[in-house]
Amino acid sequence: MKDQILKLKDRLTEYIRNHKELVAICLILAGVVSFIMFNDFQSSEEYYNVTMKTVEEEVSVTDKESSEIYHESSETVTDTLNTEVSVDVAEETDTEPEVLVSSENTEETSGEETTIAAGETEQMSESESRSETDSPEVLPPPVPETTETVPATEEPWQEPETITVYISIDCMNILEHMGDLIDGEALADYIGNGTILDKTGYQIDAGSTVFDLLKMTARANQIQLDYQGESSNIYSTVYIKGIQYIYEKSCGSSSGWMYTVNGEWAGVGCSSKKLKDGDFVQWRFSCDGGSDLRGN
C-alpha cells in the first residue's frame, strides 16, 4: 500500500513538472473562485443583518402601537364599567343621582364649574362667530319664471322667382269698321272672327314687364310681332307697331294697338309696366284712339 502511494506521488510530481502551465492556470482559477465565493458570502451576510434590523424595527413599532391601542381600549372599558356601576348604585338607593351629585360636589366643584362654564361660553361664542363668518353667502330667493308670448318676427317679403300671369289678344273693333280697313281683303284671313289669342296663362320670371309677356306669347304661338325699340322714340319705351300683320293706322288715322292690365289702362309704355302674380293683360286693337274700347 505504501509503495502504491509513493508511485502515485512520483507520477503526480512528474505530471506537474511536465504541465507547469496547466497547473498554474488551475491554481489561478481556484483562487478566483474562492475570492468570488468569499465576497458573495460577505454581501449575503450584510443583507441578512440589514433585513433583520428592519424587521426588528417594524416589530417594535407594531408592538408600541398595539400597546397604545390596548391601553386606550382598557381605559374605555374601565370608564364604561364605572358608569354602569354608578348607575346601578343609584338605582338601588332609589335616589335621584343628579341631585346627589350636585349636593355633594357643590362646594368642591363650584369654582371648576364656573371656569368650565366660562370656557364653554367662550368656545360657543367663538364657534358662533366662526359660523357667522364662515357661513355661505345668502342668495335671494329665485324669481319665478314668467311665460311671455314673444310675437313672431315677420320675415321680410321675398318676391317669388316666377309668377303666373294671363294674356289675350283681339281685334274685335275692326269687324265694325271693315269699310275703313286698308287692304281688307289681304288682312281678312288674319282678322278672322276678331280673336287672335284667347285668355292664356303663362309662368314668367318675377319682375317681367308687359312687353316681356307679349314677346313670349308671340314666340310660343307663332304670332307675328313688330315693335319699335326704346331708343327709337321720344318716350324711351317700346312701341307696338303691329300684331299678326295688323298695323297702326290700318283702320283709320287714329287706329292702333293698346293694352290694359286687369281692365285698367296702364298709362305707360308696355316695357315700363311690371307684372304681378295673377295679372291679366288684354291687347286690343282700337280704331278711334281708344275711345271705342272705353265702354268695353
C-alpha atoms as a PDB file:
ATOM      1  CA  MET A   1       0.000   0.000   0.000  1.00  0.00           C
ATOM      2  CA  LYS A   2       2.830   2.346   0.883  1.00  0.00           C
ATOM      3  CA  ASP A   3       4.581   1.576  -2.393  1.00  0.00           C
ATOM      4  CA  GLN A   4       1.469   2.401  -4.348  1.00  0.00           C
ATOM      5  CA  ILE A   5       1.154   5.787  -2.636  1.00  0.00           C
ATOM      6  CA  LEU A   6       4.797   6.573  -3.403  1.00  0.00           C
ATOM      7  CA  LYS A   7       4.359   5.597  -7.052  1.00  0.00           C
ATOM      8  CA  LEU A   8       1.232   7.836  -7.298  1.00  0.00           C
ATOM      9  CA  LYS A   9       3.177  10.687  -5.726  1.00  0.00           C
ATOM     10  CA  ASP A  10       6.010  10.276  -8.210  1.00  0.00           C
ATOM     11  CA  ARG A  11       3.629  10.254 -11.137  1.00  0.00           C
ATOM     12  CA  LEU A  12       1.878  13.383  -9.889  1.00  0.00           C
ATOM     13  CA  THR A  13       5.179  15.161  -9.380  1.00  0.00           C
ATOM     14  CA  GLU A  14       6.270  14.190 -12.878  1.00  0.00           C
ATOM     15  CA  TYR A  15       2.948  15.352 -14.311  1.00  0.00           C
ATOM     16  CA  ILE A  16       3.260  18.707 -12.590  1.00  0.00           C
ATOM     17  CA  ARG A  17       6.787  19.153 -13.964  1.00  0.00           C
ATOM     18  CA  ASN A  18       5.612  18.350 -17.480  1.00  0.00           C
ATOM     19  CA  HIS A  19       2.468  20.508 -17.279  1.00  0.00           C
ATOM     20  CA  LYS A  20       3.503  23.542 -15.299  1.00  0.00           C
ATOM     21  CA  GLU A  21       1.401  25.987 -17.305  1.00  0.00           C
ATOM     22  CA  LEU A  22      -1.798  23.964 -16.937  1.00  0.00           C
ATOM     23  CA  VAL A  23      -1.260  23.599 -13.216  1.00  0.00           C
ATOM     24  CA  ALA A  24      -0.665  27.340 -12.860  1.00  0.00           C
ATOM     25  CA  ILE A  25      -3.935  28.108 -14.705  1.00  0.00           C
ATOM     26  CA  CYS A  26      -5.833  25.727 -12.457  1.00  0.00           C
ATOM     27  CA  LEU A  27      -4.390  27.363  -9.358  1.00  0.00           C
ATOM     28  CA  ILE A  28      -5.349  30.840 -10.647  1.00  0.00           C
ATOM     29  CA  LEU A  29      -8.896  29.688 -11.395  1.00  0.00           C
ATOM     30  CA  ALA A  30      -9.197  28.137  -7.958  1.00  0.00           C
ATOM     31  CA  GLY A  31      -8.087  31.419  -6.357  1.00  0.00           C
ATOM     32  CA  VAL A  32     -10.583  33.472  -8.376  1.00  0.00           C
ATOM     33  CA  VAL A  33     -13.452  31.138  -7.470  1.00  0.00           C
ATOM     34  CA  SER A  34     -12.506  31.305  -3.788  1.00  0.00           C
ATOM     35  CA  PHE A  35     -12.410  35.118  -3.893  1.00  0.00           C
ATOM     36  CA  ILE A  36     -15.846  35.343  -5.562  1.00  0.00           C
ATOM     37  CA  MET A  37     -17.416  32.926  -3.103  1.00  0.00           C
ATOM     38  CA  PHE A  38     -15.950  34.856  -0.149  1.00  0.00           C
ATOM     39  CA  ASN A  39     -17.379  38.199  -1.436  1.00  0.00           C
ATOM     40  CA  ASP A  40     -20.803  36.655  -2.042  1.00  0.00           C
ATOM     41  CA  PHE A  41     -20.790  35.303   1.481  1.00  0.00           C
ATOM     42  CA  GLN A  42     -19.963  38.706   2.967  1.00  0.00           C
ATOM     43  CA  SER A  43     -22.646  40.543   0.885  1.00  0.00           C
ATOM     44  CA  SER A  44     -25.295  37.970   1.852  1.00  0.00           C
ATOM     45  CA  GLU A  45     -24.337  38.297   5.495  1.00  0.00           C
ATOM     46  CA  GLU A  46     -24.625  42.117   5.338  1.00  0.00           C
ATOM     47  CA  TYR A  47     -28.003  41.854   3.571  1.00  0.00           C
ATOM     48  CA  TYR A  48     -29.165  39.440   6.271  1.00  0.00           C
ATOM     49  CA  ASN A  49     -28.084  41.821   9.020  1.00  0.00           C
ATOM     50  CA  VAL A  50     -29.853  44.812   7.395  1.00  0.00           C
ATOM     51  CA  THR A  51     -33.023  42.816   6.828  1.00  0.00           C
ATOM     52  CA  MET A  52     -33.088  41.551  10.409  1.00  0.00           C
ATOM     53  CA  LYS A  53     -32.590  45.111  11.714  1.00  0.00           C
ATOM     54  CA  THR A  54     -35.507  46.428   9.590  1.00  0.00           C
ATOM     55  CA  VAL A  55     -37.743  43.599  10.751  1.00  0.00           C
ATOM     56  CA  GLU A  56     -36.869  44.271  14.399  1.00  0.00           C
ATOM     57  CA  GLU A  57     -37.683  47.993  13.991  1.00  0.00           C
ATOM     58  CA  GLU A  58     -41.044  47.245  12.391  1.00  0.00           C
ATOM     59  CA  VAL A  59     -41.868  44.726  15.097  1.00  0.00           C
ATOM     60  CA  SER A  60     -41.018  47.259  17.820  1.00  0.00           C
ATOM     61  CA  VAL A  61     -43.222  49.934  16.174  1.00  0.00           C
ATOM     62  CA  THR A  62     -46.086  47.467  15.817  1.00  0.00           C
ATOM     63  CA  ASP A  63     -45.737  46.404  19.472  1.00  0.00           C
ATOM     64  CA  LYS A  64     -45.774  50.041  20.580  1.00  0.00           C
ATOM     65  CA  GLU A  65     -48.919  50.827  18.550  1.00  0.00           C
ATOM     66  CA  SER A  66     -50.679  47.695  19.766  1.00  0.00           C
ATOM     67  CA  SER A  67     -49.806  48.559  23.373  1.00  0.00           C
ATOM     68  CA  GLU A  68     -51.227  52.081  22.953  1.00  0.00           C
ATOM     69  CA  ILE A  69     -54.397  50.663  21.407  1.00  0.00           C
ATOM     70  CA  TYR A  70     -54.630  48.184  24.274  1.00  0.00           C
ATOM     71  CA  HIS A  71     -54.272  50.946  26.905  1.00  0.00           C
ATOM     72  CA  GLU A  72     -56.904  53.090  25.191  1.00  0.00           C
ATOM     73  CA  SER A  73     -59.336  50.206  24.918  1.00  0.00           C
ATOM     74  CA  SER A  74     -58.748  49.233  28.542  1.00  0.00           C
ATOM     75  CA  GLU A  75     -59.389  52.827  29.662  1.00  0.00           C
ATOM     76  CA  THR A  76     -62.612  52.906  27.624  1.00  0.00           C
ATOM     77  CA  VAL A  77     -63.779  49.619  29.143  1.00  0.00           C
ATOM     78  CA  THR A  78     -62.932  50.881  32.639  1.00  0.00           C
ATOM     79  CA  ASP A  79     -64.906  54.094  32.123  1.00  0.00           C
ATOM     80  CA  THR A  80     -67.866  52.123  30.829  1.00  0.00           C
ATOM     81  CA  LEU A  81     -67.748  49.767  33.822  1.00  0.00           C
ATOM     82  CA  ASN A  82     -67.521  52.688  36.263  1.00  0.00           C
ATOM     83  CA  THR A  83     -70.510  54.365  34.615  1.00  0.00           C
ATOM     84  CA  GLU A  84     -72.573  51.186  34.806  1.00  0.00           C
ATOM     85  CA  VAL A  85     -71.640  50.624  38.444  1.00  0.00           C
ATOM     86  CA  SER A  86     -72.561  54.189  39.415  1.00  0.00           C
ATOM     87  CA  VAL A  87     -75.898  53.879  37.667  1.00  0.00           C
ATOM     88  CA  ASP A  88     -76.644  50.558  39.405  1.00  0.00           C
ATOM     89  CA  VAL A  89     -75.844  52.012  42.826  1.00  0.00           C
ATOM     90  CA  ALA A  90     -78.067  54.976  42.161  1.00  0.00           C
ATOM     91  CA  GLU A  91     -80.964  52.730  41.178  1.00  0.00           C
ATOM     92  CA  GLU A  92     -80.572  50.582  44.342  1.00  0.00           C
ATOM     93  CA  THR A  93     -80.683  53.601  46.701  1.00  0.00           C
ATOM     94  CA  ASP A  94     -83.855  54.952  44.983  1.00  0.00           C
ATOM     95  CA  THR A  95     -82.470  58.484  44.935  1.00  0.00           C
ATOM     96  CA  GLU A  96     -82.085  60.991  42.165  1.00  0.00           C
ATOM     97  CA  PRO A  97     -78.446  60.716  41.044  1.00  0.00           C
ATOM     98  CA  GLU A  98     -78.372  64.225  39.611  1.00  0.00           C
ATOM     99  CA  VAL A  99     -79.463  65.797  42.928  1.00  0.00           C
ATOM    100  CA  LEU A 100     -76.965  63.757  44.978  1.00  0.00           C
ATOM    101  CA  VAL A 101     -74.087  64.635  42.771  1.00  0.00           C
ATOM    102  CA  SER A 102     -74.917  68.306  42.755  1.00  0.00           C
ATOM    103  CA  SER A 103     -75.415  68.435  46.579  1.00  0.00           C
ATOM    104  CA  GLU A 104     -72.242  66.587  47.410  1.00  0.00           C
ATOM    105  CA  ASN A 105     -69.949  68.340  44.985  1.00  0.00           C
ATOM    106  CA  THR A 106     -71.394  71.829  45.007  1.00  0.00           C
ATOM    107  CA  GLU A 107     -68.798  73.285  47.318  1.00  0.00           C
ATOM    108  CA  GLU A 108     -65.861  71.402  45.802  1.00  0.00           C
ATOM    109  CA  THR A 109     -66.584  71.951  42.124  1.00  0.00           C
ATOM    110  CA  SER A 110     -68.252  75.332  42.137  1.00  0.00           C
ATOM    111  CA  GLY A 111     -65.055  77.046  41.043  1.00  0.00           C
ATOM    112  CA  GLU A 112     -64.319  74.409  38.447  1.00  0.00           C
ATOM    113  CA  GLU A 113     -67.852  74.565  37.088  1.00  0.00           C
ATOM    114  CA  THR A 114     -67.608  78.332  36.811  1.00  0.00           C
ATOM    115  CA  THR A 115     -64.349  78.014  34.915  1.00  0.00           C
ATOM    116  CA  ILE A 116     -65.759  75.288  32.681  1.00  0.00           C
ATOM    117  CA  ALA A 117     -68.909  77.272  32.063  1.00  0.00           C
ATOM    118  CA  ALA A 118     -66.852  80.321  31.168  1.00  0.00           C
ATOM    119  CA  GLY A 119     -64.683  78.231  28.855  1.00  0.00           C
ATOM    120  CA  GLU A 120     -67.744  76.713  27.233  1.00  0.00           C
ATOM    121  CA  THR A 121     -69.250  80.174  26.807  1.00  0.00           C
ATOM    122  CA  GLU A 122     -66.083  81.401  25.144  1.00  0.00           C
ATOM    123  CA  GLN A 123     -65.978  78.324  22.901  1.00  0.00           C
ATOM    124  CA  MET A 124     -69.625  78.786  21.977  1.00  0.00           C
ATOM    125  CA  SER A 125     -69.077  82.458  21.201  1.00  0.00           C
ATOM    126  CA  GLU A 126     -66.032  81.590  19.113  1.00  0.00           C
ATOM    127  CA  SER A 127     -67.914  78.839  17.314  1.00  0.00           C
ATOM    128  CA  GLU A 128     -70.895  81.133  16.717  1.00  0.00           C
ATOM    129  CA  SER A 129     -68.671  83.914  15.416  1.00  0.00           C
ATOM    130  CA  ARG A 130     -66.826  81.412  13.247  1.00  0.00           C
ATOM    131  CA  SER A 131     -70.084  80.033  11.913  1.00  0.00           C
ATOM    132  CA  GLU A 132     -71.282  83.571  11.184  1.00  0.00           C
ATOM    133  CA  THR A 133     -68.006  84.385   9.454  1.00  0.00           C
ATOM    134  CA  ASP A 134     -67.775  81.113   7.549  1.00  0.00           C
ATOM    135  CA  SER A 135     -71.453  80.945   6.640  1.00  0.00           C
ATOM    136  CA  PRO A 136     -72.045  80.937   2.876  1.00  0.00           C
ATOM    137  CA  GLU A 137     -73.444  83.996   1.185  1.00  0.00           C
ATOM    138  CA  VAL A 138     -77.207  84.102   1.437  1.00  0.00           C
ATOM    139  CA  LEU A 139     -78.653  84.305  -2.036  1.00  0.00           C
ATOM    140  CA  PRO A 140     -82.033  85.943  -2.749  1.00  0.00           C
ATOM    141  CA  PRO A 141     -84.909  83.578  -3.481  1.00  0.00           C
ATOM    142  CA  PRO A 142     -85.205  82.624  -7.134  1.00  0.00           C
ATOM    143  CA  VAL A 143     -87.541  84.759  -9.168  1.00  0.00           C
ATOM    144  CA  PRO A 144     -90.315  82.638 -10.665  1.00  0.00           C
ATOM    145  CA  GLU A 145     -90.108  82.356 -14.377  1.00  0.00           C
ATOM    146  CA  THR A 146     -92.792  84.187 -16.270  1.00  0.00           C
ATOM    147  CA  THR A 147     -94.072  82.893 -19.530  1.00  0.00           C
ATOM    148  CA  GLU A 148     -94.319  85.595 -22.130  1.00  0.00           C
ATOM    149  CA  THR A 149     -95.661  85.271 -25.594  1.00  0.00           C
ATOM    150  CA  VAL A 150     -92.993  86.582 -27.922  1.00  0.00           C
ATOM    151  CA  PRO A 151     -94.514  87.819 -31.146  1.00  0.00           C
ATOM    152  CA  ALA A 152     -93.154  86.006 -34.122  1.00  0.00           C
ATOM    153  CA  THR A 153     -90.850  88.129 -36.193  1.00  0.00           C
ATOM    154  CA  GLU A 154     -92.160  88.591 -39.654  1.00  0.00           C
ATOM    155  CA  GLU A 155     -89.703  87.537 -42.286  1.00  0.00           C
ATOM    156  CA  PRO A 156     -89.102  90.109 -44.995  1.00  0.00           C
ATOM    157  CA  TRP A 157     -91.248  89.523 -48.029  1.00  0.00           C
ATOM    158  CA  GLN A 158     -89.353  87.925 -50.852  1.00  0.00           C
ATOM    159  CA  GLU A 159     -90.549  88.157 -54.393  1.00  0.00           C
ATOM    160  CA  PRO A 160     -91.187  84.694 -55.867  1.00  0.00           C
ATOM    161  CA  GLU A 161     -88.871  83.501 -58.585  1.00  0.00           C
ATOM    162  CA  THR A 162     -91.738  83.032 -61.045  1.00  0.00           C
ATOM    163  CA  ILE A 163     -95.277  84.375 -61.280  1.00  0.00           C
ATOM    164  CA  THR A 164     -98.399  83.295 -63.150  1.00  0.00           C
ATOM    165  CA  VAL A 165     -99.971  85.862 -65.493  1.00  0.00           C
ATOM    166  CA  TYR A 166    -102.626  85.801 -68.217  1.00  0.00           C
ATOM    167  CA  ILE A 167    -102.883  87.411 -71.674  1.00  0.00           C
ATOM    168  CA  SER A 168    -105.388  87.717 -74.525  1.00  0.00           C
ATOM    169  CA  ILE A 169    -105.185  89.419 -77.987  1.00  0.00           C
ATOM    170  CA  ASP A 170    -108.154  90.502 -80.145  1.00  0.00           C
ATOM    171  CA  CYS A 171    -109.172  92.953 -82.909  1.00  0.00           C
ATOM    172  CA  MET A 172    -112.958  92.830 -82.476  1.00  0.00           C
ATOM    173  CA  ASN A 173    -113.417  96.539 -83.271  1.00  0.00           C
ATOM    174  CA  ILE A 174    -112.172  96.073 -86.833  1.00  0.00           C
ATOM    175  CA  LEU A 175    -115.247  93.959 -87.614  1.00  0.00           C
ATOM    176  CA  GLU A 176    -117.411  97.086 -87.113  1.00  0.00           C
ATOM    177  CA  HIS A 177    -115.120  99.214 -89.325  1.00  0.00           C
ATOM    178  CA  MET A 178    -114.317  96.915 -92.214  1.00  0.00           C
ATOM    179  CA  GLY A 179    -115.019  99.750 -94.661  1.00  0.00           C
ATOM    180  CA  ASP A 180    -112.215 101.807 -93.171  1.00  0.00           C
ATOM    181  CA  LEU A 181    -109.737  98.929 -93.298  1.00  0.00           C
ATOM    182  CA  ILE A 182    -106.834  99.339 -95.693  1.00  0.00           C
ATOM    183  CA  ASP A 183    -106.179  96.167 -97.685  1.00  0.00           C
ATOM    184  CA  GLY A 184    -109.117  94.487 -96.009  1.00  0.00           C
ATOM    185  CA  GLU A 185    -109.045  91.559 -98.375  1.00  0.00           C
ATOM    186  CA  ALA A 186    -105.399  90.808 -97.594  1.00  0.00           C
ATOM    187  CA  LEU A 187    -105.996  91.045 -93.840  1.00  0.00           C
ATOM    188  CA  ALA A 188    -109.282  89.164 -93.751  1.00  0.00           C
ATOM    189  CA  ASP A 189    -107.605  85.830 -93.045  1.00  0.00           C
ATOM    190  CA  TYR A 190    -105.617  87.309 -90.126  1.00  0.00           C
ATOM    191  CA  ILE A 191    -108.606  89.100 -88.641  1.00  0.00           C
ATOM    192  CA  GLY A 192    -110.924  86.074 -88.792  1.00  0.00           C
ATOM    193  CA  ASN A 193    -113.574  86.354 -86.070  1.00  0.00           C
ATOM    194  CA  GLY A 194    -111.563  89.066 -84.292  1.00  0.00           C
ATOM    195  CA  THR A 195    -109.879  86.730 -81.695  1.00  0.00           C
ATOM    196  CA  ILE A 196    -106.156  86.263 -82.208  1.00  0.00           C
ATOM    197  CA  LEU A 197    -105.471  84.588 -78.811  1.00  0.00           C
ATOM    198  CA  ASP A 198    -107.926  83.581 -76.125  1.00  0.00           C
ATOM    199  CA  LYS A 199    -107.066  84.159 -72.450  1.00  0.00           C
ATOM    200  CA  THR A 200    -103.970  82.045 -71.734  1.00  0.00           C
ATOM    201  CA  GLY A 201    -101.851  81.703 -68.591  1.00  0.00           C
ATOM    202  CA  TYR A 202     -98.043  81.604 -68.515  1.00  0.00           C
ATOM    203  CA  GLN A 203     -95.273  81.202 -65.952  1.00  0.00           C
ATOM    204  CA  ILE A 204     -92.873  84.092 -66.235  1.00  0.00           C
ATOM    205  CA  ASP A 205     -89.942  85.411 -64.232  1.00  0.00           C
ATOM    206  CA  ALA A 206     -90.834  87.797 -61.443  1.00  0.00           C
ATOM    207  CA  GLY A 207     -90.176  91.399 -62.408  1.00  0.00           C
ATOM    208  CA  SER A 208     -91.083  90.857 -66.059  1.00  0.00           C
ATOM    209  CA  THR A 209     -92.927  93.536 -67.984  1.00  0.00           C
ATOM    210  CA  VAL A 210     -95.989  93.535 -70.229  1.00  0.00           C
ATOM    211  CA  PHE A 211     -93.672  93.626 -73.238  1.00  0.00           C
ATOM    212  CA  ASP A 212     -91.755  90.547 -71.970  1.00  0.00           C
ATOM    213  CA  LEU A 213     -95.044  88.642 -71.722  1.00  0.00           C
ATOM    214  CA  LEU A 214     -96.119  89.729 -75.235  1.00  0.00           C
ATOM    215  CA  LYS A 215     -92.820  88.608 -76.775  1.00  0.00           C
ATOM    216  CA  MET A 216     -93.010  85.225 -75.028  1.00  0.00           C
ATOM    217  CA  THR A 217     -96.631  84.759 -76.134  1.00  0.00           C
ATOM    218  CA  ALA A 218     -95.907  85.672 -79.760  1.00  0.00           C
ATOM    219  CA  ARG A 219     -92.989  83.253 -79.850  1.00  0.00           C
ATOM    220  CA  ALA A 220     -94.985  80.417 -78.239  1.00  0.00           C
ATOM    221  CA  ASN A 221     -97.994  80.810 -80.571  1.00  0.00           C
ATOM    222  CA  GLN A 222     -96.168  81.872 -83.772  1.00  0.00           C
ATOM    223  CA  ILE A 223     -97.855  85.286 -83.819  1.00  0.00           C
ATOM    224  CA  GLN A 224     -96.215  88.000 -85.907  1.00  0.00           C
ATOM    225  CA  LEU A 225     -94.970  90.915 -83.799  1.00  0.00           C
ATOM    226  CA  ASP A 226     -93.478  94.225 -84.932  1.00  0.00           C
ATOM    227  CA  TYR A 227     -92.347  96.900 -82.460  1.00  0.00           C
ATOM    228  CA  GLN A 228     -90.163  99.973 -82.089  1.00  0.00           C
ATOM    229  CA  GLY A 229     -87.352  99.853 -79.512  1.00  0.00           C
ATOM    230  CA  GLU A 230     -86.955 102.157 -76.545  1.00  0.00           C
ATOM    231  CA  SER A 231     -84.110 104.093 -78.168  1.00  0.00           C
ATOM    232  CA  SER A 232     -86.114 104.711 -81.363  1.00  0.00           C
ATOM    233  CA  ASN A 233     -88.788 107.028 -79.935  1.00  0.00           C
ATOM    234  CA  ILE A 234     -89.026 110.075 -77.701  1.00  0.00           C
ATOM    235  CA  TYR A 235     -90.915 108.227 -74.974  1.00  0.00           C
ATOM    236  CA  SER A 236     -87.994 105.875 -74.179  1.00  0.00           C
ATOM    237  CA  THR A 237     -90.281 102.861 -74.161  1.00  0.00           C
ATOM    238  CA  VAL A 238     -91.190 100.073 -76.565  1.00  0.00           C
ATOM    239  CA  TYR A 239     -93.976 100.903 -79.006  1.00  0.00           C
ATOM    240  CA  ILE A 240     -96.023  98.075 -80.580  1.00  0.00           C
ATOM    241  CA  LYS A 241     -96.481  98.772 -84.302  1.00  0.00           C
ATOM    242  CA  GLY A 242     -98.214  95.584 -85.442  1.00  0.00           C
ATOM    243  CA  ILE A 243     -99.523  92.219 -84.244  1.00  0.00           C
ATOM    244  CA  GLN A 244    -100.442  89.430 -86.644  1.00  0.00           C
ATOM    245  CA  TYR A 245     -99.803  91.803 -89.613  1.00  0.00           C
ATOM    246  CA  ILE A 246    -102.407  94.292 -88.352  1.00  0.00           C
ATOM    247  CA  TYR A 247    -100.572  97.617 -88.055  1.00  0.00           C
ATOM    248  CA  GLU A 248    -101.298 101.045 -86.668  1.00  0.00           C
ATOM    249  CA  LYS A 249    -103.404 103.338 -88.916  1.00  0.00           C
ATOM    250  CA  SER A 250    -104.546 100.323 -90.939  1.00  0.00           C
ATOM    251  CA  CYS A 251    -108.169 101.075 -89.956  1.00  0.00           C
ATOM    252  CA  GLY A 252    -108.156 104.867 -89.659  1.00  0.00           C
ATOM    253  CA  SER A 253    -105.637 107.536 -88.771  1.00  0.00           C
ATOM    254  CA  SER A 254    -106.186 107.045 -85.009  1.00  0.00           C
ATOM    255  CA  SER A 255    -106.119 103.246 -85.027  1.00  0.00           C
ATOM    256  CA  GLY A 256    -103.526 101.157 -83.225  1.00  0.00           C
ATOM    257  CA  TRP A 257    -102.784  98.579 -80.507  1.00  0.00           C
ATOM    258  CA  MET A 258    -103.480  99.337 -76.824  1.00  0.00           C
ATOM    259  CA  TYR A 259    -103.392  97.268 -73.648  1.00  0.00           C
ATOM    260  CA  THR A 260    -104.989  97.122 -70.195  1.00  0.00           C
ATOM    261  CA  VAL A 261    -103.932  95.334 -67.008  1.00  0.00           C
ATOM    262  CA  ASN A 262    -106.801  93.865 -65.014  1.00  0.00           C
ATOM    263  CA  GLY A 263    -109.196  96.045 -67.069  1.00  0.00           C
ATOM    264  CA  GLU A 264    -107.381  99.338 -66.398  1.00  0.00           C
ATOM    265  CA  TRP A 265    -105.239 101.460 -68.676  1.00  0.00           C
ATOM    266  CA  ALA A 266    -101.627 101.390 -67.527  1.00  0.00           C
ATOM    267  CA  GLY A 267    -100.748 104.875 -68.801  1.00  0.00           C
ATOM    268  CA  VAL A 268     -97.116 103.869 -69.511  1.00  0.00           C
ATOM    269  CA  GLY A 269     -95.336 102.020 -72.263  1.00  0.00           C
ATOM    270  CA  CYS A 270     -95.510  98.234 -72.215  1.00  0.00           C
ATOM    271  CA  SER A 271     -91.791  97.898 -71.432  1.00  0.00           C
ATOM    272  CA  SER A 272     -92.207 100.099 -68.322  1.00  0.00           C
ATOM    273  CA  LYS A 273     -95.150  98.245 -66.741  1.00  0.00           C
ATOM    274  CA  LYS A 274     -94.061  95.414 -64.455  1.00  0.00           C
ATOM    275  CA  LEU A 275     -96.353  92.488 -63.801  1.00  0.00           C
ATOM    276  CA  LYS A 276     -97.520  90.945 -60.527  1.00  0.00           C
ATOM    277  CA  ASP A 277     -98.699  87.439 -59.859  1.00  0.00           C
ATOM    278  CA  GLY A 278    -102.231  86.902 -61.252  1.00  0.00           C
ATOM    279  CA  ASP A 279    -102.284  89.935 -63.566  1.00  0.00           C
ATOM    280  CA  PHE A 280    -104.433  89.734 -66.740  1.00  0.00           C
ATOM    281  CA  VAL A 281    -103.137  91.660 -69.765  1.00  0.00           C
ATOM    282  CA  GLN A 282    -105.504  92.385 -72.692  1.00  0.00           C
ATOM    283  CA  TRP A 283    -104.125  93.596 -76.027  1.00  0.00           C
ATOM    284  CA  ARG A 284    -106.861  95.151 -78.192  1.00  0.00           C
ATOM    285  CA  PHE A 285    -106.910  96.998 -81.497  1.00  0.00           C
ATOM    286  CA  SER A 286    -108.618 100.415 -81.369  1.00  0.00           C
ATOM    287  CA  CYS A 287    -109.990 102.167 -84.456  1.00  0.00           C
ATOM    288  CA  ASP A 288    -110.548 105.528 -82.681  1.00  0.00           C
ATOM    289  CA  GLY A 289    -107.650 106.228 -80.327  1.00  0.00           C
ATOM    290  CA  GLY A 290    -109.092 104.018 -77.570  1.00  0.00           C
ATOM    291  CA  SER A 291    -112.485 105.712 -77.262  1.00  0.00           C
ATOM    292  CA  ASP A 292    -114.139 102.680 -78.848  1.00  0.00           C
ATOM    293  CA  LEU A 293    -112.630 100.491 -76.103  1.00  0.00           C
ATOM    294  CA  ARG A 294    -113.586 102.529 -73.045  1.00  0.00           C
ATOM    295  CA  GLY A 295    -117.067 101.095 -72.736  1.00  0.00           C
ATOM    296  CA  ASN A 296    -115.782  97.545 -73.216  1.00  0.00           C
END
